[in-house]
PDB file of all heavy atoms in Angstrom:
ATOM      1  N   THR A   1      96.566 109.270 106.182  1.00  0.00           N
ATOM      2  CA  THR A   1      96.201 108.290 105.187  1.00  0.00           C
ATOM      3  C   THR A   1      97.400 107.492 104.748  1.00  0.00           C
ATOM      4  O   THR A   1      97.333 106.228 104.690  1.00  0.00           O
ATOM      5  CB  THR A   1      95.598 109.002 103.931  1.00  0.00           C
ATOM      6  OG1 THR A   1      94.432 109.752 104.346  1.00  0.00           O
ATOM      7  CG2 THR A   1      95.175 107.999 102.882  1.00  0.00           C
ATOM      8  N   GLU A   2      98.527 108.122 104.501  1.00  0.00           N
ATOM      9  CA  GLU A   2      99.758 107.382 104.132  1.00  0.00           C
ATOM     10  C   GLU A   2     100.183 106.469 105.289  1.00  0.00           C
ATOM     11  O   GLU A   2     100.628 105.351 105.038  1.00  0.00           O
ATOM     12  CB  GLU A   2     100.829 108.362 103.759  1.00  0.00           C
ATOM     13  CG  GLU A   2     100.560 109.143 102.478  1.00  0.00           C
ATOM     14  CD  GLU A   2     101.549 110.275 102.223  1.00  0.00           C
ATOM     15  OE1 GLU A   2     102.174 110.725 103.173  1.00  0.00           O
ATOM     16  OE2 GLU A   2     101.634 110.720 101.042  1.00  0.00           O
ATOM     17  N   ASP A   3     100.012 106.956 106.493  1.00  0.00           N
ATOM     18  CA  ASP A   3     100.401 106.177 107.652  1.00  0.00           C
ATOM     19  C   ASP A   3      99.595 104.902 107.808  1.00  0.00           C
ATOM     20  O   ASP A   3     100.165 103.834 108.072  1.00  0.00           O
ATOM     21  CB  ASP A   3     100.279 107.037 108.921  1.00  0.00           C
ATOM     22  CG  ASP A   3     100.652 106.304 110.178  1.00  0.00           C
ATOM     23  OD1 ASP A   3     101.829 106.179 110.454  1.00  0.00           O
ATOM     24  OD2 ASP A   3      99.711 105.802 110.857  1.00  0.00           O
ATOM     25  N   ILE A   4      98.299 104.987 107.543  1.00  0.00           N
ATOM     26  CA  ILE A   4      97.431 103.805 107.749  1.00  0.00           C
ATOM     27  C   ILE A   4      97.740 102.758 106.669  1.00  0.00           C
ATOM     28  O   ILE A   4      97.755 101.558 106.900  1.00  0.00           O
ATOM     29  CB  ILE A   4      95.931 104.156 107.797  1.00  0.00           C
ATOM     30  CG1 ILE A   4      95.109 103.055 108.427  1.00  0.00           C
ATOM     31  CG2 ILE A   4      95.379 104.534 106.437  1.00  0.00           C
ATOM     32  CD1 ILE A   4      95.348 102.851 109.907  1.00  0.00           C
ATOM     33  N   PHE A   5      98.060 103.222 105.449  1.00  0.00           N
ATOM     34  CA  PHE A   5      98.488 102.272 104.402  1.00  0.00           C
ATOM     35  C   PHE A   5      99.843 101.622 104.778  1.00  0.00           C
ATOM     36  O   PHE A   5     100.024 100.428 104.597  1.00  0.00           O
ATOM     37  CB  PHE A   5      98.607 102.993 103.068  1.00  0.00           C
ATOM     38  CG  PHE A   5      97.290 103.043 102.279  1.00  0.00           C
ATOM     39  CD1 PHE A   5      96.481 104.153 102.347  1.00  0.00           C
ATOM     40  CD2 PHE A   5      96.904 101.987 101.473  1.00  0.00           C
ATOM     41  CE1 PHE A   5      95.290 104.203 101.670  1.00  0.00           C
ATOM     42  CE2 PHE A   5      95.719 102.027 100.766  1.00  0.00           C
ATOM     43  CZ  PHE A   5      94.903 103.142 100.855  1.00  0.00           C
ATOM     44  N   ALA A   6     100.742 102.445 105.304  1.00  0.00           N
ATOM     45  CA  ALA A   6     102.047 101.905 105.680  1.00  0.00           C
ATOM     46  C   ALA A   6     101.925 100.857 106.781  1.00  0.00           C
ATOM     47  O   ALA A   6     102.656  99.850 106.768  1.00  0.00           O
ATOM     48  CB  ALA A   6     102.980 103.033 106.107  1.00  0.00           C
ATOM     49  N   ARG A   7     101.029 101.064 107.711  1.00  0.00           N
ATOM     50  CA  ARG A   7     100.839 100.090 108.772  1.00  0.00           C
ATOM     51  C   ARG A   7     100.312  98.771 108.187  1.00  0.00           C
ATOM     52  O   ARG A   7     100.739  97.683 108.623  1.00  0.00           O
ATOM     53  CB  ARG A   7      99.908 100.624 109.836  1.00  0.00           C
ATOM     54  CG  ARG A   7     100.502 101.762 110.626  1.00  0.00           C
ATOM     55  CD  ARG A   7      99.557 102.367 111.669  1.00  0.00           C
ATOM     56  NE  ARG A   7     100.168 103.595 112.185  1.00  0.00           N
ATOM     57  CZ  ARG A   7     101.092 103.645 113.088  1.00  0.00           C
ATOM     58  NH1 ARG A   7     101.503 102.524 113.638  1.00  0.00           N
ATOM     59  NH2 ARG A   7     101.659 104.785 113.451  1.00  0.00           N
ATOM     60  N   LYS A   8      99.431  98.855 107.229  1.00  0.00           N
ATOM     61  CA  LYS A   8      98.868  97.674 106.598  1.00  0.00           C
ATOM     62  C   LYS A   8      99.938  96.896 105.825  1.00  0.00           C
ATOM     63  O   LYS A   8     100.023  95.676 105.858  1.00  0.00           O
ATOM     64  CB  LYS A   8      97.742  98.044 105.653  1.00  0.00           C
ATOM     65  CG  LYS A   8      96.393  98.268 106.351  1.00  0.00           C
ATOM     66  CD  LYS A   8      95.827  96.937 106.824  1.00  0.00           C
ATOM     67  CE  LYS A   8      94.393  97.177 107.356  1.00  0.00           C
ATOM     68  NZ  LYS A   8      93.784  95.889 107.769  1.00  0.00           N
ATOM     69  N   VAL A   9     100.792  97.625 105.080  1.00  0.00           N
ATOM     70  CA  VAL A   9     101.869  96.983 104.328  1.00  0.00           C
ATOM     71  C   VAL A   9     102.824  96.317 105.300  1.00  0.00           C
ATOM     72  O   VAL A   9     103.259  95.189 105.078  1.00  0.00           O
ATOM     73  CB  VAL A   9     102.625  98.012 103.460  1.00  0.00           C
ATOM     74  CG1 VAL A   9     103.816  97.373 102.808  1.00  0.00           C
ATOM     75  CG2 VAL A   9     101.673  98.575 102.368  1.00  0.00           C
ATOM     76  N   GLY A  10     103.177  97.004 106.396  1.00  0.00           N
ATOM     77  CA  GLY A  10     104.081  96.423 107.369  1.00  0.00           C
ATOM     78  C   GLY A  10     103.545  95.131 107.973  1.00  0.00           C
ATOM     79  O   GLY A  10     104.281  94.155 108.131  1.00  0.00           O
ATOM     80  N   LYS A  11     102.235  95.124 108.272  1.00  0.00           N
ATOM     81  CA  LYS A  11     101.630  93.904 108.833  1.00  0.00           C
ATOM     82  C   LYS A  11     101.610  92.777 107.812  1.00  0.00           C
ATOM     83  O   LYS A  11     101.835  91.608 108.138  1.00  0.00           O
ATOM     84  CB  LYS A  11     100.213  94.216 109.292  1.00  0.00           C
ATOM     85  CG  LYS A  11     100.132  95.034 110.570  1.00  0.00           C
ATOM     86  CD  LYS A  11      98.702  95.301 110.993  1.00  0.00           C
ATOM     87  CE  LYS A  11      98.649  96.163 112.250  1.00  0.00           C
ATOM     88  NZ  LYS A  11      97.255  96.492 112.668  1.00  0.00           N
ATOM     89  N   ALA A  12     101.329  93.123 106.550  1.00  0.00           N
ATOM     90  CA  ALA A  12     101.292  92.091 105.484  1.00  0.00           C
ATOM     91  C   ALA A  12     102.643  91.446 105.297  1.00  0.00           C
ATOM     92  O   ALA A  12     102.765  90.234 105.106  1.00  0.00           O
ATOM     93  CB  ALA A  12     100.793  92.717 104.168  1.00  0.00           C
ATOM     94  N   ILE A  13     103.719  92.218 105.395  1.00  0.00           N
ATOM     95  CA  ILE A  13     105.053  91.683 105.267  1.00  0.00           C
ATOM     96  C   ILE A  13     105.402  90.822 106.478  1.00  0.00           C
ATOM     97  O   ILE A  13     105.940  89.718 106.340  1.00  0.00           O
ATOM     98  CB  ILE A  13     106.096  92.808 105.090  1.00  0.00           C
ATOM     99  CG1 ILE A  13     105.902  93.479 103.737  1.00  0.00           C
ATOM    100  CG2 ILE A  13     107.520  92.301 105.220  1.00  0.00           C
ATOM    101  CD1 ILE A  13     106.750  94.709 103.522  1.00  0.00           C
ATOM    102  N   ALA A  14     105.012  91.288 107.674  1.00  0.00           N
ATOM    103  CA  ALA A  14     105.287  90.533 108.899  1.00  0.00           C
ATOM    104  C   ALA A  14     104.549  89.206 108.948  1.00  0.00           C
ATOM    105  O   ALA A  14     105.114  88.198 109.406  1.00  0.00           O
ATOM    106  CB  ALA A  14     104.931  91.391 110.119  1.00  0.00           C
ATOM    107  N   LYS A  15     103.341  89.190 108.421  1.00  0.00           N
ATOM    108  CA  LYS A  15     102.556  87.972 108.448  1.00  0.00           C
ATOM    109  C   LYS A  15     102.821  87.038 107.267  1.00  0.00           C
ATOM    110  O   LYS A  15     102.440  85.857 107.289  1.00  0.00           O
ATOM    111  CB  LYS A  15     101.047  88.309 108.489  1.00  0.00           C
ATOM    112  CG  LYS A  15     100.623  88.951 109.796  1.00  0.00           C
ATOM    113  CD  LYS A  15      99.119  89.269 109.772  1.00  0.00           C
ATOM    114  CE  LYS A  15      98.637  89.847 111.107  1.00  0.00           C
ATOM    115  NZ  LYS A  15      97.197  90.171 111.079  1.00  0.00           N
ATOM    116  N   GLY A  16     103.435  87.572 106.206  1.00  0.00           N
ATOM    117  CA  GLY A  16     103.662  86.794 104.994  1.00  0.00           C
ATOM    118  C   GLY A  16     104.637  85.670 105.237  1.00  0.00           C
ATOM    119  O   GLY A  16     105.708  85.895 105.810  1.00  0.00           O
ATOM    120  N   ASN A  17     104.279  84.505 104.846  1.00  0.00           N
ATOM    121  CA  ASN A  17     105.160  83.325 104.996  1.00  0.00           C
ATOM    122  C   ASN A  17     105.893  83.054 103.710  1.00  0.00           C
ATOM    123  O   ASN A  17     105.611  82.135 102.995  1.00  0.00           O
ATOM    124  CB  ASN A  17     104.359  82.110 105.446  1.00  0.00           C
ATOM    125  CG  ASN A  17     105.219  80.935 105.790  1.00  0.00           C
ATOM    126  OD1 ASN A  17     106.404  81.088 106.113  1.00  0.00           O
ATOM    127  ND2 ASN A  17     104.647  79.720 105.720  1.00  0.00           N
ATOM    128  N   PHE A  18     106.838  83.949 103.395  1.00  0.00           N
ATOM    129  CA  PHE A  18     107.543  83.894 102.115  1.00  0.00           C
ATOM    130  C   PHE A  18     108.879  83.149 102.279  1.00  0.00           C
ATOM    131  O   PHE A  18     109.753  83.618 102.988  1.00  0.00           O
ATOM    132  CB  PHE A  18     107.789  85.302 101.574  1.00  0.00           C
ATOM    133  CG  PHE A  18     106.595  86.197 101.595  1.00  0.00           C
ATOM    134  CD1 PHE A  18     106.580  87.372 102.350  1.00  0.00           C
ATOM    135  CD2 PHE A  18     105.469  85.873 100.840  1.00  0.00           C
ATOM    136  CE1 PHE A  18     105.467  88.177 102.372  1.00  0.00           C
ATOM    137  CE2 PHE A  18     104.340  86.677 100.892  1.00  0.00           C
ATOM    138  CZ  PHE A  18     104.348  87.841 101.631  1.00  0.00           C
ATOM    139  N   VAL A  19     108.963  81.969 101.704  1.00  0.00           N
ATOM    140  CA  VAL A  19     110.180  81.169 101.804  1.00  0.00           C
ATOM    141  C   VAL A  19     110.940  81.320 100.487  1.00  0.00           C
ATOM    142  O   VAL A  19     110.583  80.669  99.484  1.00  0.00           O
ATOM    143  CB  VAL A  19     109.862  79.691 102.101  1.00  0.00           C
ATOM    144  CG1 VAL A  19     111.154  78.921 102.186  1.00  0.00           C
ATOM    145  CG2 VAL A  19     109.034  79.579 103.368  1.00  0.00           C
ATOM    146  N   ILE A  20     111.928  82.171 100.467  1.00  0.00           N
ATOM    147  CA  ILE A  20     112.722  82.411  99.292  1.00  0.00           C
ATOM    148  C   ILE A  20     114.167  82.146  99.673  1.00  0.00           C
ATOM    149  O   ILE A  20     114.718  82.808 100.536  1.00  0.00           O
ATOM    150  CB  ILE A  20     112.537  83.823  98.737  1.00  0.00           C
ATOM    151  CG1 ILE A  20     111.037  84.035  98.376  1.00  0.00           C
ATOM    152  CG2 ILE A  20     113.417  84.101  97.538  1.00  0.00           C
ATOM    153  CD1 ILE A  20     110.698  85.467  98.034  1.00  0.00           C
ATOM    154  N   LYS A  21     114.784  81.167  99.055  1.00  0.00           N
ATOM    155  CA  LYS A  21     116.083  80.657  99.483  1.00  0.00           C
ATOM    156  C   LYS A  21     117.228  81.423  98.824  1.00  0.00           C
ATOM    157  O   LYS A  21     117.042  82.084  97.804  1.00  0.00           O
ATOM    158  CB  LYS A  21     116.193  79.182  99.112  1.00  0.00           C
ATOM    159  CG  LYS A  21     115.098  78.321  99.761  1.00  0.00           C
ATOM    160  CD  LYS A  21     115.174  76.881  99.246  1.00  0.00           C
ATOM    161  CE  LYS A  21     114.023  76.066  99.785  1.00  0.00           C
ATOM    162  NZ  LYS A  21     114.042  74.698  99.231  1.00  0.00           N
ATOM    163  N   GLY A  22     118.409  81.322  99.430  1.00  0.00           N
ATOM    164  CA  GLY A  22     119.606  81.901  98.820  1.00  0.00           C
ATOM    165  C   GLY A  22     120.596  82.397  99.829  1.00  0.00           C
ATOM    166  O   GLY A  22     120.398  82.282 101.052  1.00  0.00           O
ATOM    167  N   SER A  23     121.678  82.982  99.359  1.00  0.00           N
ATOM    168  CA  SER A  23     122.783  83.465 100.187  1.00  0.00           C
ATOM    169  C   SER A  23     122.521  84.899 100.666  1.00  0.00           C
ATOM    170  O   SER A  23     121.728  85.653 100.057  1.00  0.00           O
ATOM    171  CB  SER A  23     124.082  83.458  99.389  1.00  0.00           C
ATOM    172  OG  SER A  23     124.263  82.211  98.726  1.00  0.00           O
ATOM    173  N   GLY A  24     123.211  85.257 101.742  1.00  0.00           N
ATOM    174  CA  GLY A  24     123.147  86.631 102.241  1.00  0.00           C
ATOM    175  C   GLY A  24     121.736  87.093 102.526  1.00  0.00           C
ATOM    176  O   GLY A  24     120.999  86.445 103.253  1.00  0.00           O
ATOM    177  N   LYS A  25     121.338  88.216 101.939  1.00  0.00           N
ATOM    178  CA  LYS A  25     120.026  88.780 102.206  1.00  0.00           C
ATOM    179  C   LYS A  25     118.945  88.260 101.216  1.00  0.00           C
ATOM    180  O   LYS A  25     117.874  88.834 101.106  1.00  0.00           O
ATOM    181  CB  LYS A  25     120.076  90.330 102.111  1.00  0.00           C
ATOM    182  CG  LYS A  25     120.964  90.947 103.193  1.00  0.00           C
ATOM    183  CD  LYS A  25     120.864  92.473 103.135  1.00  0.00           C
ATOM    184  CE  LYS A  25     121.602  93.122 104.279  1.00  0.00           C
ATOM    185  NZ  LYS A  25     123.052  93.093 104.121  1.00  0.00           N
ATOM    186  N   SER A  26     119.267  87.192 100.517  1.00  0.00           N
ATOM    187  CA  SER A  26     118.334  86.658  99.483  1.00  0.00           C
ATOM    188  C   SER A  26     116.923  86.471 100.030  1.00  0.00           C
ATOM    189  O   SER A  26     116.722  85.836 101.051  1.00  0.00           O
ATOM    190  CB  SER A  26     118.848  85.296  98.998  1.00  0.00           C
ATOM    191  OG  SER A  26     120.031  85.438  98.301  1.00  0.00           O
ATOM    192  N   GLY A  27     115.971  87.065  99.312  1.00  0.00           N
ATOM    193  CA  GLY A  27     114.586  86.872  99.684  1.00  0.00           C
ATOM    194  C   GLY A  27     114.075  87.734 100.826  1.00  0.00           C
ATOM    195  O   GLY A  27     112.887  87.776 101.131  1.00  0.00           O
ATOM    196  N   SER A  28     114.972  88.446 101.493  1.00  0.00           N
ATOM    197  CA  SER A  28     114.561  89.347 102.605  1.00  0.00           C
ATOM    198  C   SER A  28     113.787  90.513 102.059  1.00  0.00           C
ATOM    199  O   SER A  28     114.109  91.071 101.010  1.00  0.00           O
ATOM    200  CB  SER A  28     115.788  89.850 103.363  1.00  0.00           C
ATOM    201  OG  SER A  28     116.489  88.770 103.942  1.00  0.00           O
ATOM    202  N   ILE A  29     112.721  90.873 102.752  1.00  0.00           N
ATOM    203  CA  ILE A  29     111.856  91.980 102.331  1.00  0.00           C
ATOM    204  C   ILE A  29     111.839  92.984 103.468  1.00  0.00           C
ATOM    205  O   ILE A  29     111.490  92.656 104.605  1.00  0.00           O
ATOM    206  CB  ILE A  29     110.450  91.494 102.007  1.00  0.00           C
ATOM    207  CG1 ILE A  29     110.495  90.476 100.861  1.00  0.00           C
ATOM    208  CG2 ILE A  29     109.571  92.685 101.649  1.00  0.00           C
ATOM    209  CD1 ILE A  29     109.133  89.836 100.572  1.00  0.00           C
ATOM    210  N   PHE A  30     112.272  94.201 103.177  1.00  0.00           N
ATOM    211  CA  PHE A  30     112.397  95.253 104.203  1.00  0.00           C
ATOM    212  C   PHE A  30     111.415  96.374 103.882  1.00  0.00           C
ATOM    213  O   PHE A  30     111.251  96.758 102.720  1.00  0.00           O
ATOM    214  CB  PHE A  30     113.798  95.799 104.257  1.00  0.00           C
ATOM    215  CG  PHE A  30     114.862  94.774 104.501  1.00  0.00           C
ATOM    216  CD1 PHE A  30     115.494  94.152 103.431  1.00  0.00           C
ATOM    217  CD2 PHE A  30     115.216  94.418 105.762  1.00  0.00           C
ATOM    218  CE1 PHE A  30     116.446  93.196 103.647  1.00  0.00           C
ATOM    219  CE2 PHE A  30     116.191  93.479 106.019  1.00  0.00           C
ATOM    220  CZ  PHE A  30     116.817  92.850 104.941  1.00  0.00           C
ATOM    221  N   PHE A  31     110.748  96.872 104.959  1.00  0.00           N
ATOM    222  CA  PHE A  31     109.832  97.972 104.772  1.00  0.00           C
ATOM    223  C   PHE A  31     109.839  98.858 106.030  1.00  0.00           C
ATOM    224  O   PHE A  31     109.996  98.348 107.150  1.00  0.00           O
ATOM    225  CB  PHE A  31     108.418  97.413 104.552  1.00  0.00           C
ATOM    226  CG  PHE A  31     107.353  98.505 104.409  1.00  0.00           C
ATOM    227  CD1 PHE A  31     107.263  99.217 103.229  1.00  0.00           C
ATOM    228  CD2 PHE A  31     106.472  98.783 105.434  1.00  0.00           C
ATOM    229  CE1 PHE A  31     106.302 100.223 103.072  1.00  0.00           C
ATOM    230  CE2 PHE A  31     105.513  99.762 105.310  1.00  0.00           C
ATOM    231  CZ  PHE A  31     105.432 100.499 104.120  1.00  0.00           C
ATOM    232  N   ASP A  32     109.717 100.134 105.864  1.00  0.00           N
ATOM    233  CA  ASP A  32     109.789 101.110 106.910  1.00  0.00           C
ATOM    234  C   ASP A  32     108.462 101.162 107.644  1.00  0.00           C
ATOM    235  O   ASP A  32     107.653 102.104 107.438  1.00  0.00           O
ATOM    236  CB  ASP A  32     110.210 102.482 106.378  1.00  0.00           C
ATOM    237  CG  ASP A  32     110.467 103.464 107.490  1.00  0.00           C
ATOM    238  OD1 ASP A  32     110.776 103.024 108.625  1.00  0.00           O
ATOM    239  OD2 ASP A  32     110.408 104.673 107.228  1.00  0.00           O
ATOM    240  N   LYS A  33     108.214 100.193 108.487  1.00  0.00           N
ATOM    241  CA  LYS A  33     106.920 100.118 109.196  1.00  0.00           C
ATOM    242  C   LYS A  33     106.819 101.169 110.291  1.00  0.00           C
ATOM    243  O   LYS A  33     107.754 101.326 111.095  1.00  0.00           O
ATOM    244  CB  LYS A  33     106.761  98.721 109.824  1.00  0.00           C
ATOM    245  CG  LYS A  33     105.475  98.511 110.580  1.00  0.00           C
ATOM    246  CD  LYS A  33     105.435  97.109 111.179  1.00  0.00           C
ATOM    247  CE  LYS A  33     104.188  96.931 112.010  1.00  0.00           C
ATOM    248  NZ  LYS A  33     104.138  95.569 112.686  1.00  0.00           N
ATOM    249  N   PRO A  34     105.720 101.886 110.411  1.00  0.00           N
ATOM    250  CA  PRO A  34     105.589 102.940 111.412  1.00  0.00           C
ATOM    251  C   PRO A  34     105.549 102.365 112.820  1.00  0.00           C
ATOM    252  O   PRO A  34     105.169 101.233 113.054  1.00  0.00           O
ATOM    253  CB  PRO A  34     104.229 103.609 111.079  1.00  0.00           C
ATOM    254  CG  PRO A  34     103.991 103.226 109.670  1.00  0.00           C
ATOM    255  CD  PRO A  34     104.585 101.888 109.459  1.00  0.00           C
ATOM    256  N   GLY A  35     105.989 103.207 113.770  1.00  0.00           N
ATOM    257  CA  GLY A  35     105.877 102.881 115.198  1.00  0.00           C
ATOM    258  C   GLY A  35     104.593 103.491 115.754  1.00  0.00           C
ATOM    259  O   GLY A  35     103.596 103.621 115.072  1.00  0.00           O
ATOM    260  N   GLN A  36     104.650 103.920 117.002  1.00  0.00           N
ATOM    261  CA  GLN A  36     103.453 104.477 117.646  1.00  0.00           C
ATOM    262  C   GLN A  36     103.181 105.898 117.187  1.00  0.00           C
ATOM    263  O   GLN A  36     102.034 106.332 117.215  1.00  0.00           O
ATOM    264  CB  GLN A  36     103.664 104.460 119.169  1.00  0.00           C
ATOM    265  CG  GLN A  36     103.833 103.075 119.779  1.00  0.00           C
ATOM    266  CD  GLN A  36     102.645 102.195 119.502  1.00  0.00           C
ATOM    267  OE1 GLN A  36     102.704 101.290 118.651  1.00  0.00           O
ATOM    268  NE2 GLN A  36     101.570 102.408 120.218  1.00  0.00           N
TER     269      GLN A  36
END
C-alpha cells in the first residue's frame, strides 16, 4: 500500500510543471520514487 502511494507521488512530481526560480537547488523537489 505504501509502495503504490509512493509511485503515485513520484509520478505527480515527474509530471508537475513547476517553474520556481532561484539559485542553486531553488525550487527543486526530490522524492524517493520506487523502482521495479
